[in-house]
PDB file of N, CA and C in Angstrom:
ATOM      1  N   UNK A   1      -2.087 -16.885  14.805  1.00  0.00           N
ATOM      2  CA  UNK A   1      -3.380 -16.263  14.969  1.00  0.00           C
ATOM      3  C   UNK A   1      -3.438 -15.021  14.073  1.00  0.00           C
ATOM      4  N   UNK A   2      -4.574 -14.833  13.462  1.00  0.00           N
ATOM      5  CA  UNK A   2      -4.761 -13.719  12.524  1.00  0.00           C
ATOM      6  C   UNK A   2      -4.545 -12.358  13.200  1.00  0.00           C
ATOM      7  N   UNK A   3      -5.064 -12.194  14.419  1.00  0.00           N
ATOM      8  CA  UNK A   3      -4.890 -10.921  15.134  1.00  0.00           C
ATOM      9  C   UNK A   3      -3.421 -10.643  15.432  1.00  0.00           C
ATOM     10  N   UNK A   4      -2.678 -11.688  15.798  1.00  0.00           N
ATOM     11  CA  UNK A   4      -1.240 -11.517  16.048  1.00  0.00           C
ATOM     12  C   UNK A   4      -0.520 -11.071  14.780  1.00  0.00           C
ATOM     13  N   UNK A   5      -0.893 -11.660  13.641  1.00  0.00           N
ATOM     14  CA  UNK A   5      -0.273 -11.292  12.373  1.00  0.00           C
ATOM     15  C   UNK A   5      -0.560  -9.822  12.053  1.00  0.00           C
ATOM     16  N   UNK A   6      -1.802  -9.402  12.248  1.00  0.00           N
ATOM     17  CA  UNK A   6      -2.143  -8.004  11.987  1.00  0.00           C
ATOM     18  C   UNK A   6      -1.369  -7.059  12.905  1.00  0.00           C
ATOM     19  N   UNK A   7      -1.211  -7.432  14.152  1.00  0.00           N
ATOM     20  CA  UNK A   7      -0.469  -6.598  15.095  1.00  0.00           C
ATOM     21  C   UNK A   7       1.000  -6.486  14.672  1.00  0.00           C
ATOM     22  N   UNK A   8       1.598  -7.607  14.301  1.00  0.00           N
ATOM     23  CA  UNK A   8       2.995  -7.594  13.876  1.00  0.00           C
ATOM     24  C   UNK A   8       3.173  -6.740  12.622  1.00  0.00           C
ATOM     25  N   UNK A   9       2.284  -6.874  11.656  1.00  0.00           N
ATOM     26  CA  UNK A   9       2.368  -6.079  10.433  1.00  0.00           C
ATOM     27  C   UNK A   9       2.222  -4.599  10.759  1.00  0.00           C
ATOM     28  N   UNK A  10       1.325  -4.266  11.677  1.00  0.00           N
ATOM     29  CA  UNK A  10       1.159  -2.858  12.075  1.00  0.00           C
ATOM     30  C   UNK A  10       2.441  -2.312  12.690  1.00  0.00           C
ATOM     31  N   UNK A  11       3.073  -3.074  13.577  1.00  0.00           N
ATOM     32  CA  UNK A  11       4.336  -2.638  14.185  1.00  0.00           C
ATOM     33  C   UNK A  11       5.414  -2.469  13.116  1.00  0.00           C
ATOM     34  N   UNK A  12       5.476  -3.395  12.179  1.00  0.00           N
ATOM     35  CA  UNK A  12       6.469  -3.313  11.116  1.00  0.00           C
ATOM     36  C   UNK A  12       6.274  -2.027  10.310  1.00  0.00           C
ATOM     37  N   UNK A  13       5.035  -1.716  10.005  1.00  0.00           N
ATOM     38  CA  UNK A  13       4.736  -0.524   9.221  1.00  0.00           C
ATOM     39  C   UNK A  13       5.116   0.752   9.985  1.00  0.00           C
ATOM     40  N   UNK A  14       4.697   0.824  11.243  1.00  0.00           N
ATOM     41  CA  UNK A  14       4.974   2.022  12.056  1.00  0.00           C
ATOM     42  C   UNK A  14       6.475   2.222  12.244  1.00  0.00           C
ATOM     43  N   UNK A  15       7.200   1.139  12.442  1.00  0.00           N
ATOM     44  CA  UNK A  15       8.647   1.218  12.674  1.00  0.00           C
ATOM     45  C   UNK A  15       9.464   1.170  11.387  1.00  0.00           C
ATOM     46  N   UNK A  16       8.776   1.081  10.237  1.00  0.00           N
ATOM     47  CA  UNK A  16       9.437   0.977   8.934  1.00  0.00           C
ATOM     48  C   UNK A  16      10.433  -0.193   8.927  1.00  0.00           C
ATOM     49  N   UNK A  17      10.016  -1.320   9.515  1.00  0.00           N
ATOM     50  CA  UNK A  17      10.864  -2.508   9.617  1.00  0.00           C
ATOM     51  C   UNK A  17      10.609  -3.424   8.425  1.00  0.00           C
ATOM     52  N   UNK A  18      11.664  -3.995   7.881  1.00  0.00           N
ATOM     53  CA  UNK A  18      11.487  -4.896   6.751  1.00  0.00           C
ATOM     54  C   UNK A  18      11.391  -6.363   7.176  1.00  0.00           C
ATOM     55  N   UNK A  19      11.536  -6.622   8.486  1.00  0.00           N
ATOM     56  CA  UNK A  19      11.452  -7.989   8.995  1.00  0.00           C
ATOM     57  C   UNK A  19      10.637  -8.022  10.283  1.00  0.00           C
ATOM     58  N   UNK A  20       9.720  -8.982  10.354  1.00  0.00           N
ATOM     59  CA  UNK A  20       8.948  -9.237  11.564  1.00  0.00           C
ATOM     60  C   UNK A  20       9.106 -10.699  11.941  1.00  0.00           C
ATOM     61  N   UNK A  21       9.145 -10.979  13.244  1.00  0.00           N
ATOM     62  CA  UNK A  21       9.403 -12.347  13.701  1.00  0.00           C
ATOM     63  C   UNK A  21       8.438 -12.735  14.808  1.00  0.00           C
ATOM     64  N   UNK A  22       7.844 -13.910  14.655  1.00  0.00           N
ATOM     65  CA  UNK A  22       7.122 -14.541  15.749  1.00  0.00           C
ATOM     66  C   UNK A  22       8.116 -15.487  16.413  1.00  0.00           C
ATOM     67  N   UNK A  23       8.509 -15.188  17.629  1.00  0.00           N
ATOM     68  CA  UNK A  23       9.488 -15.984  18.368  1.00  0.00           C
ATOM     69  C   UNK A  23       8.755 -16.804  19.418  1.00  0.00           C
ATOM     70  N   UNK A  24       9.057 -18.116  19.470  1.00  0.00           N
ATOM     71  CA  UNK A  24       8.388 -18.982  20.427  1.00  0.00           C
ATOM     72  C   UNK A  24       9.383 -20.003  20.990  1.00  0.00           C
ATOM     73  N   UNK A  25       9.153 -20.459  22.228  1.00  0.00           N
ATOM     74  CA  UNK A  25      10.035 -21.487  22.787  1.00  0.00           C
ATOM     75  C   UNK A  25       9.807 -22.821  22.082  1.00  0.00           C
ATOM     76  N   UNK A  26      10.881 -23.571  21.909  1.00  0.00           N
ATOM     77  CA  UNK A  26      10.788 -24.835  21.189  1.00  0.00           C
ATOM     78  C   UNK A  26      11.686 -25.877  21.845  1.00  0.00           C
ATOM     79  N   UNK A  27      11.290 -27.135  21.735  1.00  0.00           N
ATOM     80  CA  UNK A  27      12.161 -28.208  22.226  1.00  0.00           C
ATOM     81  C   UNK A  27      12.991 -28.788  21.089  1.00  0.00           C
ATOM     82  N   UNK A  28      12.842 -28.223  19.902  1.00  0.00           N
ATOM     83  CA  UNK A  28      13.600 -28.649  18.728  1.00  0.00           C
ATOM     84  C   UNK A  28      14.737 -27.661  18.457  1.00  0.00           C
ATOM     85  N   UNK A  29      15.502 -27.944  17.432  1.00  0.00           N
ATOM     86  CA  UNK A  29      16.591 -27.063  17.033  1.00  0.00           C
ATOM     87  C   UNK A  29      16.041 -25.719  16.574  1.00  0.00           C
ATOM     88  N   UNK A  30      16.761 -24.652  16.890  1.00  0.00           N
ATOM     89  CA  UNK A  30      16.364 -23.315  16.474  1.00  0.00           C
ATOM     90  C   UNK A  30      16.416 -23.218  14.956  1.00  0.00           C
ATOM     91  N   UNK A  31      15.300 -22.787  14.355  1.00  0.00           N
ATOM     92  CA  UNK A  31      15.289 -22.568  12.916  1.00  0.00           C
ATOM     93  C   UNK A  31      14.305 -21.473  12.557  1.00  0.00           C
ATOM     94  N   UNK A  32      14.595 -20.776  11.482  1.00  0.00           N
ATOM     95  CA  UNK A  32      13.751 -19.682  11.017  1.00  0.00           C
ATOM     96  C   UNK A  32      12.962 -20.174   9.802  1.00  0.00           C
ATOM     97  N   UNK A  33      11.661 -19.852   9.766  1.00  0.00           N
ATOM     98  CA  UNK A  33      10.801 -20.250   8.650  1.00  0.00           C
ATOM     99  C   UNK A  33      10.073 -19.021   8.127  1.00  0.00           C
ATOM    100  N   UNK A  34      10.177 -18.781   6.825  1.00  0.00           N
ATOM    101  CA  UNK A  34       9.492 -17.656   6.203  1.00  0.00           C
ATOM    102  C   UNK A  34       7.992 -17.959   6.148  1.00  0.00           C
ATOM    103  N   UNK A  35       7.180 -17.070   6.734  1.00  0.00           N
ATOM    104  CA  UNK A  35       5.728 -17.215   6.702  1.00  0.00           C
ATOM    105  C   UNK A  35       5.159 -16.538   5.463  1.00  0.00           C
ATOM    106  N   UNK A  36       5.683 -15.347   5.153  1.00  0.00           N
ATOM    107  CA  UNK A  36       5.175 -14.648   3.990  1.00  0.00           C
ATOM    108  C   UNK A  36       5.914 -13.359   3.705  1.00  0.00           C
ATOM    109  N   UNK A  37       5.712 -12.864   2.496  1.00  0.00           N
ATOM    110  CA  UNK A  37       6.264 -11.590   2.067  1.00  0.00           C
ATOM    111  C   UNK A  37       5.090 -10.632   1.902  1.00  0.00           C
ATOM    112  N   UNK A  38       5.205  -9.472   2.529  1.00  0.00           N
ATOM    113  CA  UNK A  38       4.110  -8.508   2.524  1.00  0.00           C
ATOM    114  C   UNK A  38       4.111  -7.689   1.245  1.00  0.00           C
ATOM    115  N   UNK A  39       2.941  -7.530   0.679  1.00  0.00           N
ATOM    116  CA  UNK A  39       2.803  -6.619  -0.458  1.00  0.00           C
ATOM    117  C   UNK A  39       2.868  -5.198   0.077  1.00  0.00           C
ATOM    118  N   UNK A  40       3.070  -4.261  -0.783  1.00  0.00           N
ATOM    119  CA  UNK A  40       3.177  -2.875  -0.337  1.00  0.00           C
ATOM    120  C   UNK A  40       4.630  -2.522  -0.135  1.00  0.00           C
ATOM    121  N   UNK A  41       5.057  -2.442   1.122  1.00  0.00           N
ATOM    122  CA  UNK A  41       6.448  -2.049   1.370  1.00  0.00           C
ATOM    123  C   UNK A  41       7.402  -3.237   1.375  1.00  0.00           C
ATOM    124  N   UNK A  42       6.901  -4.450   1.198  1.00  0.00           N
ATOM    125  CA  UNK A  42       7.753  -5.607   0.946  1.00  0.00           C
ATOM    126  C   UNK A  42       8.430  -6.247   2.139  1.00  0.00           C
ATOM    127  N   UNK A  43       7.889  -6.119   3.325  1.00  0.00           N
ATOM    128  CA  UNK A  43       8.488  -6.757   4.489  1.00  0.00           C
ATOM    129  C   UNK A  43       8.324  -8.270   4.470  1.00  0.00           C
ATOM    130  N   UNK A  44       9.126  -8.946   5.248  1.00  0.00           N
ATOM    131  CA  UNK A  44       9.056 -10.407   5.382  1.00  0.00           C
ATOM    132  C   UNK A  44       8.712 -10.757   6.822  1.00  0.00           C
ATOM    133  N   UNK A  45       7.857 -11.775   6.987  1.00  0.00           N
ATOM    134  CA  UNK A  45       7.463 -12.242   8.316  1.00  0.00           C
ATOM    135  C   UNK A  45       7.969 -13.675   8.487  1.00  0.00           C
ATOM    136  N   UNK A  46       8.648 -13.897   9.604  1.00  0.00           N
ATOM    137  CA  UNK A  46       9.228 -15.202   9.898  1.00  0.00           C
ATOM    138  C   UNK A  46       8.641 -15.774  11.190  1.00  0.00           C
ATOM    139  N   UNK A  47       8.698 -17.083  11.288  1.00  0.00           N
ATOM    140  CA  UNK A  47       8.403 -17.810  12.521  1.00  0.00           C
ATOM    141  C   UNK A  47       9.722 -18.418  12.968  1.00  0.00           C
ATOM    142  N   UNK A  48      10.064 -18.223  14.233  1.00  0.00           N
ATOM    143  CA  UNK A  48      11.340 -18.723  14.706  1.00  0.00           C
ATOM    144  C   UNK A  48      11.174 -19.372  16.069  1.00  0.00           C
ATOM    145  N   UNK A  49      11.485 -20.650  16.136  1.00  0.00           N
ATOM    146  CA  UNK A  49      11.463 -21.367  17.407  1.00  0.00           C
ATOM    147  C   UNK A  49      12.828 -21.313  18.054  1.00  0.00           C
ATOM    148  N   UNK A  50      12.887 -20.850  19.272  1.00  0.00           N
ATOM    149  CA  UNK A  50      14.143 -20.790  20.025  1.00  0.00           C
ATOM    150  C   UNK A  50      14.219 -22.008  20.932  1.00  0.00           C
ATOM    151  N   UNK A  51      15.238 -22.838  20.695  1.00  0.00           N
ATOM    152  CA  UNK A  51      15.388 -24.059  21.487  1.00  0.00           C
ATOM    153  C   UNK A  51      15.685 -23.717  22.946  1.00  0.00           C
ATOM    154  N   UNK A  52      14.879 -24.263  23.848  1.00  0.00           N
ATOM    155  CA  UNK A  52      15.094 -24.095  25.285  1.00  0.00           C
ATOM    156  C   UNK A  52      15.610 -25.432  25.821  1.00  0.00           C
ATOM    157  N   UNK A  53      16.878 -25.480  26.236  1.00  0.00           N
ATOM    158  CA  UNK A  53      17.486 -26.754  26.631  1.00  0.00           C
ATOM    159  C   UNK A  53      17.047 -27.213  28.022  1.00  0.00           C
ATOM    160  N   UNK A  54      17.116 -28.512  28.228  1.00  0.00           N
ATOM    161  CA  UNK A  54      16.923 -29.095  29.557  1.00  0.00           C
ATOM    162  C   UNK A  54      18.264 -29.071  30.275  1.00  0.00           C
ATOM    163  N   UNK A  55      18.217 -28.936  31.609  1.00  0.00           N
ATOM    164  CA  UNK A  55      19.456 -28.917  32.390  1.00  0.00           C
ATOM    165  C   UNK A  55      19.157 -29.347  33.821  1.00  0.00           C
ATOM    166  N   UNK A  56      20.187 -29.846  34.492  1.00  0.00           N
ATOM    167  CA  UNK A  56      20.048 -30.296  35.876  1.00  0.00           C
ATOM    168  C   UNK A  56      20.330 -29.197  36.891  1.00  0.00           C
ATOM    169  N   UNK A  57      20.936 -28.103  36.452  1.00  0.00           N
ATOM    170  CA  UNK A  57      21.243 -27.004  37.370  1.00  0.00           C
ATOM    171  C   UNK A  57      21.092 -25.674  36.630  1.00  0.00           C
ATOM    172  N   UNK A  58      21.012 -24.615  37.393  1.00  0.00           N
ATOM    173  CA  UNK A  58      20.883 -23.288  36.794  1.00  0.00           C
ATOM    174  C   UNK A  58      22.134 -22.915  36.018  1.00  0.00           C
ATOM    175  N   UNK A  59      23.301 -23.256  36.535  1.00  0.00           N
ATOM    176  CA  UNK A  59      24.545 -22.927  35.835  1.00  0.00           C
ATOM    177  C   UNK A  59      24.646 -23.692  34.509  1.00  0.00           C
ATOM    178  N   UNK A  60      24.224 -24.947  34.511  1.00  0.00           N
ATOM    179  CA  UNK A  60      24.225 -25.725  33.271  1.00  0.00           C
ATOM    180  C   UNK A  60      23.225 -25.127  32.273  1.00  0.00           C
ATOM    181  N   UNK A  61      22.044 -24.737  32.767  1.00  0.00           N
ATOM    182  CA  UNK A  61      21.035 -24.126  31.908  1.00  0.00           C
ATOM    183  C   UNK A  61      21.569 -22.833  31.297  1.00  0.00           C
ATOM    184  N   UNK A  62      22.219 -21.990  32.123  1.00  0.00           N
ATOM    185  CA  UNK A  62      22.759 -20.723  31.636  1.00  0.00           C
ATOM    186  C   UNK A  62      23.799 -20.961  30.543  1.00  0.00           C
ATOM    187  N   UNK A  63      24.666 -21.942  30.735  1.00  0.00           N
ATOM    188  CA  UNK A  63      25.695 -22.256  29.744  1.00  0.00           C
ATOM    189  C   UNK A  63      25.059 -22.735  28.442  1.00  0.00           C
ATOM    190  N   UNK A  64      24.098 -23.649  28.559  1.00  0.00           N
ATOM    191  CA  UNK A  64      23.424 -24.164  27.365  1.00  0.00           C
ATOM    192  C   UNK A  64      22.625 -23.071  26.661  1.00  0.00           C
ATOM    193  N   UNK A  65      22.008 -22.207  27.449  1.00  0.00           N
ATOM    194  CA  UNK A  65      21.205 -21.138  26.860  1.00  0.00           C
ATOM    195  C   UNK A  65      22.086 -20.151  26.103  1.00  0.00           C
ATOM    196  N   UNK A  66      23.273 -19.884  26.611  1.00  0.00           N
ATOM    197  CA  UNK A  66      24.220 -19.020  25.894  1.00  0.00           C
ATOM    198  C   UNK A  66      24.539 -19.608  24.513  1.00  0.00           C
ATOM    199  N   UNK A  67      24.732 -20.927  24.456  1.00  0.00           N
ATOM    200  CA  UNK A  67      24.985 -21.594  23.170  1.00  0.00           C
ATOM    201  C   UNK A  67      23.792 -21.437  22.229  1.00  0.00           C
ATOM    202  N   UNK A  68      22.592 -21.583  22.765  1.00  0.00           N
ATOM    203  CA  UNK A  68      21.386 -21.432  21.945  1.00  0.00           C
ATOM    204  C   UNK A  68      21.231 -19.995  21.452  1.00  0.00           C
ATOM    205  N   UNK A  69      21.594 -19.021  22.295  1.00  0.00           N
ATOM    206  CA  UNK A  69      21.529 -17.615  21.880  1.00  0.00           C
ATOM    207  C   UNK A  69      22.494 -17.342  20.739  1.00  0.00           C
ATOM    208  N   UNK A  70      23.680 -17.949  20.778  1.00  0.00           N
ATOM    209  CA  UNK A  70      24.653 -17.787  19.688  1.00  0.00           C
ATOM    210  C   UNK A  70      24.108 -18.371  18.400  1.00  0.00           C
ATOM    211  N   UNK A  71      23.482 -19.550  18.482  1.00  0.00           N
ATOM    212  CA  UNK A  71      22.861 -20.158  17.304  1.00  0.00           C
ATOM    213  C   UNK A  71      21.743 -19.252  16.773  1.00  0.00           C
ATOM    214  N   UNK A  72      20.956 -18.706  17.687  1.00  0.00           N
ATOM    215  CA  UNK A  72      19.862 -17.819  17.317  1.00  0.00           C
ATOM    216  C   UNK A  72      20.379 -16.608  16.544  1.00  0.00           C
ATOM    217  N   UNK A  73      21.433 -15.987  17.041  1.00  0.00           N
ATOM    218  CA  UNK A  73      21.973 -14.811  16.383  1.00  0.00           C
ATOM    219  C   UNK A  73      22.516 -15.185  14.999  1.00  0.00           C
ATOM    220  N   UNK A  74      23.076 -16.382  14.854  1.00  0.00           N
ATOM    221  CA  UNK A  74      23.533 -16.844  13.537  1.00  0.00           C
ATOM    222  C   UNK A  74      22.372 -17.074  12.582  1.00  0.00           C
ATOM    223  N   UNK A  75      21.240 -17.498  13.106  1.00  0.00           N
ATOM    224  CA  UNK A  75      20.044 -17.711  12.297  1.00  0.00           C
ATOM    225  C   UNK A  75      19.506 -16.400  11.766  1.00  0.00           C
ATOM    226  N   UNK A  76      19.698 -15.317  12.533  1.00  0.00           N
ATOM    227  CA  UNK A  76      19.158 -14.020  12.136  1.00  0.00           C
ATOM    228  C   UNK A  76      20.061 -13.288  11.147  1.00  0.00           C
ATOM    229  N   UNK A  77      21.266 -13.777  10.941  1.00  0.00           N
ATOM    230  CA  UNK A  77      22.196 -13.080  10.022  1.00  0.00           C
ATOM    231  C   UNK A  77      21.753 -13.194   8.587  1.00  0.00           C
TER     232      UNK A  77
END
């Protein structure tokens, strides 16, 4: 959404951040996609889907989610 993009760019500018991310839940593998490079101060905006696993119990979900968080952190490196 255009308004969301403007809000993210505003936050990036105020915080002097060179990276902005739209994070959303996904049933697919976690991956980062470059949306655009900002003119001016040169920040980059990414879209990133975080895989939310299915599980039969809370303990199984927690274990699987920990694995997804590790993958997520590797994606951000």
